[in-house]
């Protein structure tokens, strides 16, 4: 008899002899797995704000940076529902709590 088969028979016999402990073990493992899946989901939402931002704004809003007009008419690309611009922009640096981050200001009209 192989070691694997003998081990599985021993485990099954042990679980049959101690049914309460087996049920408790299964419930504890299921609870731990559920907690880990929940934690991973919450962590992903916290570290990937793109997903919630995309859902709140009904899809992706993409800025295309070019020196000249693009070679392709962007509104003719499959999946593009609207195009706006061009907008004037100016680079700035945002400072908060001693940290400096680059940003960009856009001159957009009040109504899209």
PDB file of N, CA and C in Angstrom:
ATOM      1  N   UNK A   1       0.849  -1.164   0.000  1.00  0.00           N
ATOM      2  CA  UNK A   1       0.000   0.000   0.000  1.00  0.00           C
ATOM      3  C   UNK A   1       0.904   1.240   0.000  1.00  0.00           C
ATOM      4  N   UNK A   2       0.563   2.211  -0.822  1.00  0.00           N
ATOM      5  CA  UNK A   2       1.404   3.402  -0.912  1.00  0.00           C
ATOM      6  C   UNK A   2       1.238   4.278   0.329  1.00  0.00           C
ATOM      7  N   UNK A   3       2.206   5.120   0.545  1.00  0.00           N
ATOM      8  CA  UNK A   3       2.191   6.012   1.707  1.00  0.00           C
ATOM      9  C   UNK A   3       1.045   7.013   1.607  1.00  0.00           C
ATOM     10  N   UNK A   4       0.774   7.512   0.414  1.00  0.00           N
ATOM     11  CA  UNK A   4      -0.296   8.492   0.231  1.00  0.00           C
ATOM     12  C   UNK A   4      -1.657   7.875   0.545  1.00  0.00           C
ATOM     13  N   UNK A   5      -1.869   6.675   0.031  1.00  0.00           N
ATOM     14  CA  UNK A   5      -3.155   6.014   0.274  1.00  0.00           C
ATOM     15  C   UNK A   5      -3.329   5.682   1.756  1.00  0.00           C
ATOM     16  N   UNK A   6      -2.270   5.205   2.363  1.00  0.00           N
ATOM     17  CA  UNK A   6      -2.346   4.879   3.793  1.00  0.00           C
ATOM     18  C   UNK A   6      -2.594   6.139   4.613  1.00  0.00           C
ATOM     19  N   UNK A   7      -1.961   7.242   4.232  1.00  0.00           N
ATOM     20  CA  UNK A   7      -2.170   8.507   4.937  1.00  0.00           C
ATOM     21  C   UNK A   7      -3.587   9.010   4.803  1.00  0.00           C
ATOM     22  N   UNK A   8      -4.152   8.899   3.579  1.00  0.00           N
ATOM     23  CA  UNK A   8      -5.524   9.362   3.394  1.00  0.00           C
ATOM     24  C   UNK A   8      -6.515   8.493   4.166  1.00  0.00           C
ATOM     25  N   UNK A   9      -6.265   7.188   4.231  1.00  0.00           N
ATOM     26  CA  UNK A   9      -7.140   6.306   5.020  1.00  0.00           C
ATOM     27  C   UNK A   9      -7.051   6.650   6.505  1.00  0.00           C
ATOM     28  N   UNK A  10      -5.852   6.954   6.977  1.00  0.00           N
ATOM     29  CA  UNK A  10      -5.659   7.299   8.392  1.00  0.00           C
ATOM     30  C   UNK A  10      -6.388   8.610   8.716  1.00  0.00           C
ATOM     31  N   UNK A  11      -6.290   9.598   7.806  1.00  0.00           N
ATOM     32  CA  UNK A  11      -6.958  10.889   8.022  1.00  0.00           C
ATOM     33  C   UNK A  11      -8.467  10.703   8.049  1.00  0.00           C
ATOM     34  N   UNK A  12      -9.014   9.936   7.088  1.00  0.00           N
ATOM     35  CA  UNK A  12     -10.460   9.702   7.061  1.00  0.00           C
ATOM     36  C   UNK A  12     -10.942   8.986   8.321  1.00  0.00           C
ATOM     37  N   UNK A  13     -10.193   7.998   8.765  1.00  0.00           N
ATOM     38  CA  UNK A  13     -10.576   7.277   9.982  1.00  0.00           C
ATOM     39  C   UNK A  13     -10.534   8.207  11.191  1.00  0.00           C
ATOM     40  N   UNK A  14      -9.537   9.073  11.256  1.00  0.00           N
ATOM     41  CA  UNK A  14      -9.425  10.017  12.361  1.00  0.00           C
ATOM     42  C   UNK A  14     -10.573  11.027  12.345  1.00  0.00           C
ATOM     43  N   UNK A  15     -10.957  11.493  11.153  1.00  0.00           N
ATOM     44  CA  UNK A  15     -12.060  12.447  11.051  1.00  0.00           C
ATOM     45  C   UNK A  15     -13.393  11.805  11.415  1.00  0.00           C
ATOM     46  N   UNK A  16     -13.568  10.536  11.068  1.00  0.00           N
ATOM     47  CA  UNK A  16     -14.794   9.835  11.434  1.00  0.00           C
ATOM     48  C   UNK A  16     -14.885   9.631  12.943  1.00  0.00           C
ATOM     49  N   UNK A  17     -13.752   9.412  13.576  1.00  0.00           N
ATOM     50  CA  UNK A  17     -13.735   9.171  15.022  1.00  0.00           C
ATOM     51  C   UNK A  17     -13.974  10.453  15.807  1.00  0.00           C
ATOM     52  N   UNK A  18     -13.581  11.591  15.244  1.00  0.00           N
ATOM     53  CA  UNK A  18     -13.720  12.878  15.938  1.00  0.00           C
ATOM     54  C   UNK A  18     -14.520  13.848  15.061  1.00  0.00           C
ATOM     55  N   UNK A  19     -15.801  13.596  14.912  1.00  0.00           N
ATOM     56  CA  UNK A  19     -16.646  14.389  14.009  1.00  0.00           C
ATOM     57  C   UNK A  19     -16.770  15.840  14.446  1.00  0.00           C
ATOM     58  N   UNK A  20     -16.897  16.095  15.723  1.00  0.00           N
ATOM     59  CA  UNK A  20     -17.018  17.467  16.216  1.00  0.00           C
ATOM     60  C   UNK A  20     -15.787  18.293  15.906  1.00  0.00           C
ATOM     61  N   UNK A  21     -14.621  17.704  16.137  1.00  0.00           N
ATOM     62  CA  UNK A  21     -13.377  18.409  15.840  1.00  0.00           C
ATOM     63  C   UNK A  21     -13.226  18.629  14.335  1.00  0.00           C
ATOM     64  N   UNK A  22     -13.664  17.656  13.527  1.00  0.00           N
ATOM     65  CA  UNK A  22     -13.563  17.798  12.073  1.00  0.00           C
ATOM     66  C   UNK A  22     -14.434  18.943  11.578  1.00  0.00           C
ATOM     67  N   UNK A  23     -15.668  19.014  12.085  1.00  0.00           N
ATOM     68  CA  UNK A  23     -16.570  20.096  11.683  1.00  0.00           C
ATOM     69  C   UNK A  23     -16.009  21.437  12.128  1.00  0.00           C
ATOM     70  N   UNK A  24     -15.514  21.513  13.344  1.00  0.00           N
ATOM     71  CA  UNK A  24     -14.933  22.754  13.847  1.00  0.00           C
ATOM     72  C   UNK A  24     -13.731  23.179  13.005  1.00  0.00           C
ATOM     73  N   UNK A  25     -12.892  22.226  12.630  1.00  0.00           N
ATOM     74  CA  UNK A  25     -11.723  22.531  11.802  1.00  0.00           C
ATOM     75  C   UNK A  25     -12.148  23.065  10.444  1.00  0.00           C
ATOM     76  N   UNK A  26     -13.137  22.437   9.829  1.00  0.00           N
ATOM     77  CA  UNK A  26     -13.619  22.900   8.526  1.00  0.00           C
ATOM     78  C   UNK A  26     -14.200  24.304   8.644  1.00  0.00           C
ATOM     79  N   UNK A  27     -14.972  24.576   9.694  1.00  0.00           N
ATOM     80  CA  UNK A  27     -15.550  25.909   9.876  1.00  0.00           C
ATOM     81  C   UNK A  27     -14.475  26.966  10.109  1.00  0.00           C
ATOM     82  N   UNK A  28     -13.466  26.635  10.883  1.00  0.00           N
ATOM     83  CA  UNK A  28     -12.379  27.587  11.138  1.00  0.00           C
ATOM     84  C   UNK A  28     -11.619  27.886   9.860  1.00  0.00           C
ATOM     85  N   UNK A  29     -11.312  26.859   9.087  1.00  0.00           N
ATOM     86  CA  UNK A  29     -10.588  27.072   7.825  1.00  0.00           C
ATOM     87  C   UNK A  29     -11.437  27.895   6.859  1.00  0.00           C
ATOM     88  N   UNK A  30     -12.751  27.599   6.777  1.00  0.00           N
ATOM     89  CA  UNK A  30     -13.627  28.378   5.899  1.00  0.00           C
ATOM     90  C   UNK A  30     -13.690  29.839   6.342  1.00  0.00           C
ATOM     91  N   UNK A  31     -13.737  30.082   7.641  1.00  0.00           N
ATOM     92  CA  UNK A  31     -13.744  31.453   8.151  1.00  0.00           C
ATOM     93  C   UNK A  31     -12.459  32.198   7.835  1.00  0.00           C
ATOM     94  N   UNK A  32     -11.335  31.514   7.969  1.00  0.00           N
ATOM     95  CA  UNK A  32     -10.047  32.142   7.671  1.00  0.00           C
ATOM     96  C   UNK A  32      -9.951  32.477   6.186  1.00  0.00           C
ATOM     97  N   UNK A  33     -10.380  31.567   5.342  1.00  0.00           N
ATOM     98  CA  UNK A  33     -10.343  31.811   3.894  1.00  0.00           C
ATOM     99  C   UNK A  33     -11.250  32.984   3.529  1.00  0.00           C
ATOM    100  N   UNK A  34     -12.440  33.034   4.099  1.00  0.00           N
ATOM    101  CA  UNK A  34     -13.351  34.147   3.834  1.00  0.00           C
ATOM    102  C   UNK A  34     -12.748  35.471   4.298  1.00  0.00           C
ATOM    103  N   UNK A  35     -12.109  35.477   5.461  1.00  0.00           N
ATOM    104  CA  UNK A  35     -11.476  36.701   5.963  1.00  0.00           C
ATOM    105  C   UNK A  35     -10.330  37.142   5.057  1.00  0.00           C
ATOM    106  N   UNK A  36      -9.543  36.203   4.571  1.00  0.00           N
ATOM    107  CA  UNK A  36      -8.433  36.546   3.676  1.00  0.00           C
ATOM    108  C   UNK A  36      -8.940  37.088   2.344  1.00  0.00           C
ATOM    109  N   UNK A  37      -9.998  36.494   1.810  1.00  0.00           N
ATOM    110  CA  UNK A  37     -10.551  36.994   0.551  1.00  0.00           C
ATOM    111  C   UNK A  37     -11.117  38.389   0.734  1.00  0.00           C
ATOM    112  N   UNK A  38     -11.816  38.621   1.834  1.00  0.00           N
ATOM    113  CA  UNK A  38     -12.357  39.949   2.120  1.00  0.00           C
ATOM    114  C   UNK A  38     -11.239  40.971   2.291  1.00  0.00           C
ATOM    115  N   UNK A  39     -10.197  40.612   3.012  1.00  0.00           N
ATOM    116  CA  UNK A  39      -9.071  41.527   3.216  1.00  0.00           C
ATOM    117  C   UNK A  39      -8.380  41.846   1.898  1.00  0.00           C
ATOM    118  N   UNK A  40      -8.193  40.847   1.057  1.00  0.00           N
ATOM    119  CA  UNK A  40      -7.552  41.084  -0.240  1.00  0.00           C
ATOM    120  C   UNK A  40      -8.401  42.009  -1.112  1.00  0.00           C
ATOM    121  N   UNK A  41      -9.709  41.829  -1.077  1.00  0.00           N
ATOM    122  CA  UNK A  41     -10.603  42.686  -1.858  1.00  0.00           C
ATOM    123  C   UNK A  41     -10.552  44.124  -1.358  1.00  0.00           C
ATOM    124  N   UNK A  42     -10.613  44.305  -0.049  1.00  0.00           N
ATOM    125  CA  UNK A  42     -10.560  45.653   0.508  1.00  0.00           C
ATOM    126  C   UNK A  42      -9.206  46.300   0.273  1.00  0.00           C
ATOM    127  N   UNK A  43      -8.148  45.529   0.365  1.00  0.00           N
ATOM    128  CA  UNK A  43      -6.816  46.067   0.133  1.00  0.00           C
ATOM    129  C   UNK A  43      -6.656  46.492  -1.316  1.00  0.00           C
ATOM    130  N   UNK A  44      -7.196  45.713  -2.233  1.00  0.00           N
ATOM    131  CA  UNK A  44      -7.100  46.076  -3.639  1.00  0.00           C
ATOM    132  C   UNK A  44      -7.843  47.367  -3.922  1.00  0.00           C
ATOM    133  N   UNK A  45      -9.026  47.534  -3.327  1.00  0.00           N
ATOM    134  CA  UNK A  45      -9.766  48.774  -3.530  1.00  0.00           C
ATOM    135  C   UNK A  45      -9.028  49.964  -2.940  1.00  0.00           C
ATOM    136  N   UNK A  46      -8.338  49.749  -1.833  1.00  0.00           N
ATOM    137  CA  UNK A  46      -7.588  50.839  -1.218  1.00  0.00           C
ATOM    138  C   UNK A  46      -6.335  51.204  -1.976  1.00  0.00           C
ATOM    139  N   UNK A  47      -5.685  50.228  -2.601  1.00  0.00           N
ATOM    140  CA  UNK A  47      -4.440  50.489  -3.308  1.00  0.00           C
ATOM    141  C   UNK A  47      -4.643  50.734  -4.789  1.00  0.00           C
ATOM    142  N   UNK A  48      -5.855  50.477  -5.309  1.00  0.00           N
ATOM    143  CA  UNK A  48      -6.137  50.691  -6.717  1.00  0.00           C
ATOM    144  C   UNK A  48      -7.357  51.596  -6.848  1.00  0.00           C
ATOM    145  N   UNK A  49      -7.172  52.896  -6.660  1.00  0.00           N
ATOM    146  CA  UNK A  49      -8.320  53.797  -6.720  1.00  0.00           C
ATOM    147  C   UNK A  49      -8.877  53.956  -8.131  1.00  0.00           C
ATOM    148  N   UNK A  50      -8.160  53.497  -9.137  1.00  0.00           N
ATOM    149  CA  UNK A  50      -8.614  53.641 -10.515  1.00  0.00           C
ATOM    150  C   UNK A  50      -9.956  52.948 -10.726  1.00  0.00           C
ATOM    151  N   UNK A  51     -10.138  51.778 -10.135  1.00  0.00           N
ATOM    152  CA  UNK A  51     -11.373  51.016 -10.333  1.00  0.00           C
ATOM    153  C   UNK A  51     -12.589  51.792  -9.827  1.00  0.00           C
ATOM    154  N   UNK A  52     -12.524  52.318  -8.609  1.00  0.00           N
ATOM    155  CA  UNK A  52     -13.675  53.051  -8.080  1.00  0.00           C
ATOM    156  C   UNK A  52     -13.857  54.376  -8.805  1.00  0.00           C
ATOM    157  N   UNK A  53     -12.777  55.036  -9.170  1.00  0.00           N
ATOM    158  CA  UNK A  53     -12.880  56.296  -9.904  1.00  0.00           C
ATOM    159  C   UNK A  53     -13.511  56.068 -11.269  1.00  0.00           C
ATOM    160  N   UNK A  54     -13.126  54.996 -11.941  1.00  0.00           N
ATOM    161  CA  UNK A  54     -13.699  54.684 -13.244  1.00  0.00           C
ATOM    162  C   UNK A  54     -15.183  54.370 -13.115  1.00  0.00           C
ATOM    163  N   UNK A  55     -15.581  53.669 -12.064  1.00  0.00           N
ATOM    164  CA  UNK A  55     -16.992  53.339 -11.864  1.00  0.00           C
ATOM    165  C   UNK A  55     -17.809  54.596 -11.547  1.00  0.00           C
ATOM    166  N   UNK A  56     -17.253  55.517 -10.784  1.00  0.00           N
ATOM    167  CA  UNK A  56     -17.970  56.740 -10.410  1.00  0.00           C
ATOM    168  C   UNK A  56     -18.156  57.674 -11.602  1.00  0.00           C
ATOM    169  N   UNK A  57     -17.221  57.648 -12.544  1.00  0.00           N
ATOM    170  CA  UNK A  57     -17.273  58.581 -13.673  1.00  0.00           C
ATOM    171  C   UNK A  57     -17.758  57.923 -14.953  1.00  0.00           C
ATOM    172  N   UNK A  58     -18.389  56.753 -14.844  1.00  0.00           N
ATOM    173  CA  UNK A  58     -18.956  56.052 -16.006  1.00  0.00           C
ATOM    174  C   UNK A  58     -17.910  55.710 -17.057  1.00  0.00           C
ATOM    175  N   UNK A  59     -16.771  55.251 -16.646  1.00  0.00           N
ATOM    176  CA  UNK A  59     -15.744  54.812 -17.590  1.00  0.00           C
ATOM    177  C   UNK A  59     -14.485  55.638 -17.483  1.00  0.00           C
ATOM    178  N   UNK A  60     -13.542  55.310 -18.314  1.00  0.00           N
ATOM    179  CA  UNK A  60     -12.231  55.955 -18.268  1.00  0.00           C
ATOM    180  C   UNK A  60     -12.274  57.313 -18.962  1.00  0.00           C
ATOM    181  N   UNK A  61     -11.629  58.267 -18.325  1.00  0.00           N
ATOM    182  CA  UNK A  61     -11.411  59.574 -18.927  1.00  0.00           C
ATOM    183  C   UNK A  61      -9.904  59.689 -19.121  1.00  0.00           C
ATOM    184  N   UNK A  62      -9.474  59.827 -20.346  1.00  0.00           N
ATOM    185  CA  UNK A  62      -8.051  59.753 -20.671  1.00  0.00           C
ATOM    186  C   UNK A  62      -7.593  61.081 -21.243  1.00  0.00           C
ATOM    187  N   UNK A  63      -6.481  61.573 -20.733  1.00  0.00           N
ATOM    188  CA  UNK A  63      -5.845  62.758 -21.301  1.00  0.00           C
ATOM    189  C   UNK A  63      -4.789  62.269 -22.286  1.00  0.00           C
ATOM    190  N   UNK A  64      -4.799  62.804 -23.490  1.00  0.00           N
ATOM    191  CA  UNK A  64      -3.790  62.468 -24.493  1.00  0.00           C
ATOM    192  C   UNK A  64      -2.892  63.684 -24.639  1.00  0.00           C
ATOM    193  N   UNK A  65      -1.608  63.501 -24.372  1.00  0.00           N
ATOM    194  CA  UNK A  65      -0.646  64.595 -24.455  1.00  0.00           C
ATOM    195  C   UNK A  65       0.086  64.503 -25.786  1.00  0.00           C
ATOM    196  N   UNK A  66      -0.029  65.542 -26.615  1.00  0.00           N
ATOM    197  CA  UNK A  66       0.683  65.580 -27.891  1.00  0.00           C
ATOM    198  C   UNK A  66       1.248  66.977 -28.096  1.00  0.00           C
ATOM    199  N   UNK A  67       2.310  67.058 -28.878  1.00  0.00           N
ATOM    200  CA  UNK A  67       2.861  68.369 -29.235  1.00  0.00           C
ATOM    201  C   UNK A  67       2.026  69.008 -30.341  1.00  0.00           C
ATOM    202  N   UNK A  68       1.563  68.178 -31.265  1.00  0.00           N
ATOM    203  CA  UNK A  68       0.739  68.649 -32.377  1.00  0.00           C
ATOM    204  C   UNK A  68      -0.583  67.896 -32.347  1.00  0.00           C
ATOM    205  N   UNK A  69      -1.413  68.137 -33.350  1.00  0.00           N
ATOM    206  CA  UNK A  69      -2.676  67.405 -33.444  1.00  0.00           C
ATOM    207  C   UNK A  69      -2.377  65.922 -33.669  1.00  0.00           C
ATOM    208  N   UNK A  70      -3.156  65.017 -33.059  1.00  0.00           N
ATOM    209  CA  UNK A  70      -2.909  63.592 -33.264  1.00  0.00           C
ATOM    210  C   UNK A  70      -3.159  63.183 -34.707  1.00  0.00           C
ATOM    211  N   UNK A  71      -2.449  62.132 -35.158  1.00  0.00           N
ATOM    212  CA  UNK A  71      -2.588  61.652 -36.529  1.00  0.00           C
ATOM    213  C   UNK A  71      -3.921  60.954 -36.755  1.00  0.00           C
ATOM    214  N   UNK A  72      -4.570  60.499 -35.697  1.00  0.00           N
ATOM    215  CA  UNK A  72      -5.816  59.746 -35.784  1.00  0.00           C
ATOM    216  C   UNK A  72      -6.938  60.581 -35.186  1.00  0.00           C
ATOM    217  N   UNK A  73      -8.104  60.532 -35.827  1.00  0.00           N
ATOM    218  CA  UNK A  73      -9.276  61.190 -35.240  1.00  0.00           C
ATOM    219  C   UNK A  73      -9.707  60.349 -34.045  1.00  0.00           C
ATOM    220  N   UNK A  74      -9.520  60.873 -32.851  1.00  0.00           N
ATOM    221  CA  UNK A  74      -9.751  60.099 -31.635  1.00  0.00           C
ATOM    222  C   UNK A  74     -11.201  59.676 -31.475  1.00  0.00           C
ATOM    223  N   UNK A  75     -12.134  60.483 -31.976  1.00  0.00           N
ATOM    224  CA  UNK A  75     -13.543  60.128 -31.809  1.00  0.00           C
ATOM    225  C   UNK A  75     -13.983  58.998 -32.734  1.00  0.00           C
ATOM    226  N   UNK A  76     -13.123  58.565 -33.634  1.00  0.00           N
ATOM    227  CA  UNK A  76     -13.452  57.445 -34.516  1.00  0.00           C
ATOM    228  C   UNK A  76     -12.927  56.112 -34.002  1.00  0.00           C
ATOM    229  N   UNK A  77     -12.246  56.121 -32.877  1.00  0.00           N
ATOM    230  CA  UNK A  77     -11.732  54.883 -32.288  1.00  0.00           C
ATOM    231  C   UNK A  77     -12.879  54.161 -31.597  1.00  0.00           C
ATOM    232  N   UNK A  78     -12.949  52.835 -31.754  1.00  0.00           N
ATOM    233  CA  UNK A  78     -14.017  52.052 -31.127  1.00  0.00           C
ATOM    234  C   UNK A  78     -14.008  52.246 -29.616  1.00  0.00           C
ATOM    235  N   UNK A  79     -15.164  52.479 -29.041  1.00  0.00           N
ATOM    236  CA  UNK A  79     -15.300  52.630 -27.598  1.00  0.00           C
ATOM    237  C   UNK A  79     -15.208  54.066 -27.118  1.00  0.00           C
ATOM    238  N   UNK A  80     -14.752  54.990 -27.963  1.00  0.00           N
ATOM    239  CA  UNK A  80     -14.661  56.396 -27.570  1.00  0.00           C
ATOM    240  C   UNK A  80     -16.038  57.023 -27.740  1.00  0.00           C
ATOM    241  N   UNK A  81     -16.582  57.557 -26.662  1.00  0.00           N
ATOM    242  CA  UNK A  81     -17.927  58.132 -26.707  1.00  0.00           C
ATOM    243  C   UNK A  81     -17.923  59.645 -26.815  1.00  0.00           C
ATOM    244  N   UNK A  82     -16.804  60.270 -26.559  1.00  0.00           N
ATOM    245  CA  UNK A  82     -16.759  61.723 -26.657  1.00  0.00           C
ATOM    246  C   UNK A  82     -15.330  62.229 -26.632  1.00  0.00           C
ATOM    247  N   UNK A  83     -15.122  63.368 -27.292  1.00  0.00           N
ATOM    248  CA  UNK A  83     -13.797  63.986 -27.344  1.00  0.00           C
ATOM    249  C   UNK A  83     -13.983  65.467 -27.041  1.00  0.00           C
ATOM    250  N   UNK A  84     -13.095  66.022 -26.255  1.00  0.00           N
ATOM    251  CA  UNK A  84     -13.138  67.448 -25.943  1.00  0.00           C
ATOM    252  C   UNK A  84     -11.723  68.002 -26.008  1.00  0.00           C
ATOM    253  N   UNK A  85     -11.636  69.284 -26.121  1.00  0.00           N
ATOM    254  CA  UNK A  85     -10.320  69.903 -26.122  1.00  0.00           C
ATOM    255  C   UNK A  85      -9.986  70.432 -27.501  1.00  0.00           C
ATOM    256  N   UNK A  86      -8.834  70.879 -27.733  1.00  0.00           N
ATOM    257  CA  UNK A  86      -7.673  70.887 -26.846  1.00  0.00           C
ATOM    258  C   UNK A  86      -7.789  71.972 -25.778  1.00  0.00           C
ATOM    259  N   UNK A  87      -7.114  71.731 -24.675  1.00  0.00           N
ATOM    260  CA  UNK A  87      -7.101  72.664 -23.560  1.00  0.00           C
ATOM    261  C   UNK A  87      -5.683  73.149 -23.329  1.00  0.00           C
ATOM    262  N   UNK A  88      -5.584  74.429 -22.955  1.00  0.00           N
ATOM    263  CA  UNK A  88      -4.272  74.938 -22.557  1.00  0.00           C
ATOM    264  C   UNK A  88      -3.929  74.341 -21.203  1.00  0.00           C
ATOM    265  N   UNK A  89      -2.657  74.087 -20.964  1.00  0.00           N
ATOM    266  CA  UNK A  89      -2.245  73.529 -19.677  1.00  0.00           C
ATOM    267  C   UNK A  89      -0.965  74.195 -19.214  1.00  0.00           C
ATOM    268  N   UNK A  90      -0.744  74.107 -17.910  1.00  0.00           N
ATOM    269  CA  UNK A  90       0.457  74.665 -17.308  1.00  0.00           C
ATOM    270  C   UNK A  90       0.942  73.714 -16.220  1.00  0.00           C
ATOM    271  N   UNK A  91       2.235  73.373 -16.239  1.00  0.00           N
ATOM    272  CA  UNK A  91       2.757  72.494 -15.189  1.00  0.00           C
ATOM    273  C   UNK A  91       2.906  73.250 -13.875  1.00  0.00           C
ATOM    274  N   UNK A  92       2.596  72.584 -12.773  1.00  0.00           N
ATOM    275  CA  UNK A  92       2.740  73.159 -11.436  1.00  0.00           C
ATOM    276  C   UNK A  92       3.305  72.094 -10.514  1.00  0.00           C
ATOM    277  N   UNK A  93       3.720  72.525  -9.329  1.00  0.00           N
ATOM    278  CA  UNK A  93       4.170  71.608  -8.290  1.00  0.00           C
ATOM    279  C   UNK A  93       3.292  71.825  -7.064  1.00  0.00           C
ATOM    280  N   UNK A  94       2.725  70.742  -6.568  1.00  0.00           N
ATOM    281  CA  UNK A  94       1.859  70.804  -5.392  1.00  0.00           C
ATOM    282  C   UNK A  94       2.678  70.365  -4.187  1.00  0.00           C
ATOM    283  N   UNK A  95       2.708  71.192  -3.149  1.00  0.00           N
ATOM    284  CA  UNK A  95       3.455  70.868  -1.933  1.00  0.00           C
ATOM    285  C   UNK A  95       2.470  70.654  -0.793  1.00  0.00           C
ATOM    286  N   UNK A  96       2.608  69.515  -0.113  1.00  0.00           N
ATOM    287  CA  UNK A  96       1.759  69.219   1.036  1.00  0.00           C
ATOM    288  C   UNK A  96       2.559  68.399   2.030  1.00  0.00           C
ATOM    289  N   UNK A  97       2.605  68.877   3.256  1.00  0.00           N
ATOM    290  CA  UNK A  97       3.323  68.208   4.338  1.00  0.00           C
ATOM    291  C   UNK A  97       4.769  67.893   3.961  1.00  0.00           C
ATOM    292  N   UNK A  98       5.407  68.820   3.310  1.00  0.00           N
ATOM    293  CA  UNK A  98       6.806  68.666   2.961  1.00  0.00           C
ATOM    294  C   UNK A  98       7.063  67.828   1.723  1.00  0.00           C
ATOM    295  N   UNK A  99       6.045  67.289   1.116  1.00  0.00           N
ATOM    296  CA  UNK A  99       6.211  66.484  -0.103  1.00  0.00           C
ATOM    297  C   UNK A  99       5.801  67.319  -1.301  1.00  0.00           C
ATOM    298  N   UNK A 100       6.572  67.214  -2.378  1.00  0.00           N
ATOM    299  CA  UNK A 100       6.266  67.936  -3.605  1.00  0.00           C
ATOM    300  C   UNK A 100       5.918  66.933  -4.699  1.00  0.00           C
ATOM    301  N   UNK A 101       4.824  67.196  -5.378  1.00  0.00           N
ATOM    302  CA  UNK A 101       4.355  66.326  -6.456  1.00  0.00           C
ATOM    303  C   UNK A 101       4.071  67.173  -7.687  1.00  0.00           C
ATOM    304  N   UNK A 102       4.456  66.694  -8.867  1.00  0.00           N
ATOM    305  CA  UNK A 102       4.118  67.446 -10.076  1.00  0.00           C
ATOM    306  C   UNK A 102       2.632  67.289 -10.405  1.00  0.00           C
ATOM    307  N   UNK A 103       2.055  68.341 -10.957  1.00  0.00           N
ATOM    308  CA  UNK A 103       0.657  68.320 -11.369  1.00  0.00           C
ATOM    309  C   UNK A 103       0.530  69.191 -12.608  1.00  0.00           C
ATOM    310  N   UNK A 104      -0.660  69.263 -13.137  1.00  0.00           N
ATOM    311  CA  UNK A 104      -0.904  70.054 -14.333  1.00  0.00           C
ATOM    312  C   UNK A 104      -2.256  70.743 -14.195  1.00  0.00           C
ATOM    313  N   UNK A 105      -2.301  72.018 -14.534  1.00  0.00           N
ATOM    314  CA  UNK A 105      -3.543  72.762 -14.518  1.00  0.00           C
ATOM    315  C   UNK A 105      -4.090  72.825 -15.945  1.00  0.00           C
ATOM    316  N   UNK A 106      -5.394  72.648 -16.085  1.00  0.00           N
ATOM    317  CA  UNK A 106      -6.055  72.672 -17.396  1.00  0.00           C
ATOM    318  C   UNK A 106      -7.024  73.848 -17.449  1.00  0.00           C
ATOM    319  N   UNK A 107      -7.014  74.569 -18.546  1.00  0.00           N
ATOM    320  CA  UNK A 107      -7.968  75.653 -18.771  1.00  0.00           C
ATOM    321  C   UNK A 107      -9.175  75.072 -19.489  1.00  0.00           C
ATOM    322  N   UNK A 108     -10.224  74.736 -18.705  1.00  0.00           N
ATOM    323  CA  UNK A 108     -11.415  74.117 -19.269  1.00  0.00           C
ATOM    324  C   UNK A 108     -12.597  75.055 -19.110  1.00  0.00           C
ATOM    325  N   UNK A 109     -13.537  75.022 -20.068  1.00  0.00           N
ATOM    326  CA  UNK A 109     -14.728  75.862 -19.925  1.00  0.00           C
ATOM    327  C   UNK A 109     -15.649  75.327 -18.832  1.00  0.00           C
ATOM    328  N   UNK A 110     -16.566  76.172 -18.357  1.00  0.00           N
ATOM    329  CA  UNK A 110     -17.478  75.749 -17.299  1.00  0.00           C
ATOM    330  C   UNK A 110     -18.423  74.650 -17.766  1.00  0.00           C
ATOM    331  N   UNK A 111     -18.841  74.711 -19.025  1.00  0.00           N
ATOM    332  CA  UNK A 111     -19.720  73.682 -19.593  1.00  0.00           C
ATOM    333  C   UNK A 111     -18.907  72.862 -20.591  1.00  0.00           C
ATOM    334  N   UNK A 112     -18.958  71.534 -20.497  1.00  0.00           N
ATOM    335  CA  UNK A 112     -18.176  70.710 -21.435  1.00  0.00           C
ATOM    336  C   UNK A 112     -18.684  70.817 -22.871  1.00  0.00           C
TER     337      UNK A 112
END
